[in-house]
Amino acid sequence: MDEQEQKLLKELLQKKLHGTLSKEEEQMLFDLSAKKTGRSPSTPTSSANLATGLSKLNNLITATDSLTNTLEEMAGKVNTHSSQAEAKQTIAEM
């Protein structure tokens, strides 16, 4: 990627950031991004696919958070039972 393409890529990214990118410019941005990262240019992901993917990602994050909370609760119970067992063993040894 030469200097002129890098400059164009930066300009297109700025336009994308400000929401002023045309369809043609969006395709140019996608192609330049693909070139910079070494990917082969293809049709960009549609907004519908992106929304679906984000929804699935949100569901996965929610499920992961729920699982993490459950595991933390279980770890707390194990620690409690372990402490109780140690206390009982200490009393039994007296």
C-alpha atoms as a PDB file:
ATOM      1  CA  MET A   1       0.000   0.000   0.000  1.00  0.00           C
ATOM      2  CA  ASP A   2       1.557   3.258  -1.097  1.00  0.00           C
ATOM      3  CA  GLU A   3       1.413   6.623   0.647  1.00  0.00           C
ATOM      4  CA  GLN A   4      -1.432   7.947  -1.516  1.00  0.00           C
ATOM      5  CA  GLU A   5      -3.588   4.899  -0.730  1.00  0.00           C
ATOM      6  CA  GLN A   6      -2.850   5.312   2.974  1.00  0.00           C
ATOM      7  CA  LYS A   7      -3.915   8.958   2.801  1.00  0.00           C
ATOM      8  CA  LEU A   8      -7.117   8.007   0.966  1.00  0.00           C
ATOM      9  CA  LEU A   9      -7.793   5.298   3.553  1.00  0.00           C
ATOM     10  CA  LYS A  10      -7.476   7.843   6.377  1.00  0.00           C
ATOM     11  CA  GLU A  11      -9.797  10.285   4.597  1.00  0.00           C
ATOM     12  CA  LEU A  12     -12.389   7.574   4.005  1.00  0.00           C
ATOM     13  CA  LEU A  13     -12.184   6.468   7.631  1.00  0.00           C
ATOM     14  CA  GLN A  14     -12.815  10.057   8.728  1.00  0.00           C
ATOM     15  CA  LYS A  15     -15.859  10.265   6.450  1.00  0.00           C
ATOM     16  CA  LYS A  16     -17.085   6.916   7.819  1.00  0.00           C
ATOM     17  CA  LEU A  17     -16.653   8.233  11.352  1.00  0.00           C
ATOM     18  CA  HIS A  18     -18.750  11.300  10.536  1.00  0.00           C
ATOM     19  CA  GLY A  19     -21.364   9.298   8.621  1.00  0.00           C
ATOM     20  CA  THR A  20     -20.766  11.078   5.308  1.00  0.00           C
ATOM     21  CA  LEU A  21     -19.473   8.101   3.316  1.00  0.00           C
ATOM     22  CA  SER A  22     -21.169   7.296  -0.010  1.00  0.00           C
ATOM     23  CA  LYS A  23     -21.733   3.714  -1.215  1.00  0.00           C
ATOM     24  CA  GLU A  24     -18.867   4.018  -3.708  1.00  0.00           C
ATOM     25  CA  GLU A  25     -16.561   5.373  -1.020  1.00  0.00           C
ATOM     26  CA  GLU A  26     -17.643   2.596   1.326  1.00  0.00           C
ATOM     27  CA  GLN A  27     -16.617   0.002  -1.251  1.00  0.00           C
ATOM     28  CA  MET A  28     -13.299   1.810  -1.761  1.00  0.00           C
ATOM     29  CA  LEU A  29     -12.761   1.832   2.004  1.00  0.00           C
ATOM     30  CA  PHE A  30     -13.500  -1.867   2.221  1.00  0.00           C
ATOM     31  CA  ASP A  31     -11.129  -2.672  -0.650  1.00  0.00           C
ATOM     32  CA  LEU A  32      -8.338  -0.519   0.797  1.00  0.00           C
ATOM     33  CA  SER A  33      -8.827  -2.072   4.242  1.00  0.00           C
ATOM     34  CA  ALA A  34      -8.651  -5.528   2.704  1.00  0.00           C
ATOM     35  CA  LYS A  35      -5.480  -4.581   0.850  1.00  0.00           C
ATOM     36  CA  LYS A  36      -3.877  -3.169   4.007  1.00  0.00           C
ATOM     37  CA  THR A  37      -4.670  -6.275   6.062  1.00  0.00           C
ATOM     38  CA  GLY A  38      -3.781  -8.693   3.279  1.00  0.00           C
ATOM     39  CA  ARG A  39      -7.318 -10.036   2.853  1.00  0.00           C
ATOM     40  CA  SER A  40      -8.879 -10.478  -0.537  1.00  0.00           C
ATOM     41  CA  PRO A  41     -11.517  -7.834  -1.257  1.00  0.00           C
ATOM     42  CA  SER A  42     -15.082  -9.090  -1.288  1.00  0.00           C
ATOM     43  CA  THR A  43     -18.536  -7.731  -0.630  1.00  0.00           C
ATOM     44  CA  PRO A  44     -18.714  -6.032   2.762  1.00  0.00           C
ATOM     45  CA  THR A  45     -20.958  -7.441   5.457  1.00  0.00           C
ATOM     46  CA  SER A  46     -24.449  -6.010   5.214  1.00  0.00           C
ATOM     47  CA  SER A  47     -25.970  -4.011   8.041  1.00  0.00           C
ATOM     48  CA  ALA A  48     -28.558  -6.761   8.596  1.00  0.00           C
ATOM     49  CA  ASN A  49     -25.818  -9.367   9.035  1.00  0.00           C
ATOM     50  CA  LEU A  50     -23.963  -7.041  11.344  1.00  0.00           C
ATOM     51  CA  ALA A  51     -27.074  -6.420  13.459  1.00  0.00           C
ATOM     52  CA  THR A  52     -27.741 -10.163  13.678  1.00  0.00           C
ATOM     53  CA  GLY A  53     -24.136 -10.811  14.631  1.00  0.00           C
ATOM     54  CA  LEU A  54     -24.200  -8.120  17.301  1.00  0.00           C
ATOM     55  CA  SER A  55     -27.437  -9.536  18.699  1.00  0.00           C
ATOM     56  CA  LYS A  56     -25.895 -13.009  18.888  1.00  0.00           C
ATOM     57  CA  LEU A  57     -22.778 -11.562  20.486  1.00  0.00           C
ATOM     58  CA  ASN A  58     -24.909  -9.773  23.086  1.00  0.00           C
ATOM     59  CA  ASN A  59     -26.734 -13.045  23.857  1.00  0.00           C
ATOM     60  CA  LEU A  60     -23.400 -14.827  24.211  1.00  0.00           C
ATOM     61  CA  ILE A  61     -22.080 -12.145  26.568  1.00  0.00           C
ATOM     62  CA  THR A  62     -25.249 -12.382  28.678  1.00  0.00           C
ATOM     63  CA  ALA A  63     -24.971 -16.182  28.853  1.00  0.00           C
ATOM     64  CA  THR A  64     -21.283 -15.933  29.748  1.00  0.00           C
ATOM     65  CA  ASP A  65     -22.007 -13.417  32.515  1.00  0.00           C
ATOM     66  CA  SER A  66     -24.726 -15.680  33.890  1.00  0.00           C
ATOM     67  CA  LEU A  67     -22.395 -18.680  33.824  1.00  0.00           C
ATOM     68  CA  THR A  68     -19.646 -16.672  35.512  1.00  0.00           C
ATOM     69  CA  ASN A  69     -22.035 -15.631  38.302  1.00  0.00           C
ATOM     70  CA  THR A  70     -23.147 -19.242  38.783  1.00  0.00           C
ATOM     71  CA  LEU A  71     -19.543 -20.443  38.954  1.00  0.00           C
ATOM     72  CA  GLU A  72     -18.683 -17.717  41.473  1.00  0.00           C
ATOM     73  CA  GLU A  73     -21.642 -18.776  43.645  1.00  0.00           C
ATOM     74  CA  MET A  74     -20.552 -22.417  43.452  1.00  0.00           C
ATOM     75  CA  ALA A  75     -16.956 -21.484  44.343  1.00  0.00           C
ATOM     76  CA  GLY A  76     -18.255 -19.559  47.348  1.00  0.00           C
ATOM     77  CA  LYS A  77     -20.253 -22.592  48.515  1.00  0.00           C
ATOM     78  CA  VAL A  78     -17.236 -24.877  48.054  1.00  0.00           C
ATOM     79  CA  ASN A  79     -15.086 -22.493  50.095  1.00  0.00           C
ATOM     80  CA  THR A  80     -17.754 -22.374  52.819  1.00  0.00           C
ATOM     81  CA  HIS A  81     -18.033 -26.172  52.957  1.00  0.00           C
ATOM     82  CA  SER A  82     -14.240 -26.494  52.953  1.00  0.00           C
ATOM     83  CA  SER A  83     -13.933 -24.057  55.851  1.00  0.00           C
ATOM     84  CA  GLN A  84     -16.662 -25.898  57.765  1.00  0.00           C
ATOM     85  CA  ALA A  85     -14.914 -29.231  57.184  1.00  0.00           C
ATOM     86  CA  GLU A  86     -11.603 -27.807  58.406  1.00  0.00           C
ATOM     87  CA  ALA A  87     -13.298 -26.417  61.513  1.00  0.00           C
ATOM     88  CA  LYS A  88     -14.959 -29.775  62.251  1.00  0.00           C
ATOM     89  CA  GLN A  89     -11.650 -31.583  61.784  1.00  0.00           C
ATOM     90  CA  THR A  90      -9.917 -29.148  64.131  1.00  0.00           C
ATOM     91  CA  ILE A  91     -12.623 -29.697  66.772  1.00  0.00           C
ATOM     92  CA  ALA A  92     -12.397 -33.479  66.327  1.00  0.00           C
ATOM     93  CA  GLU A  93      -8.637 -33.391  66.845  1.00  0.00           C
ATOM     94  CA  MET A  94      -8.978 -31.581  70.176  1.00  0.00           C
END
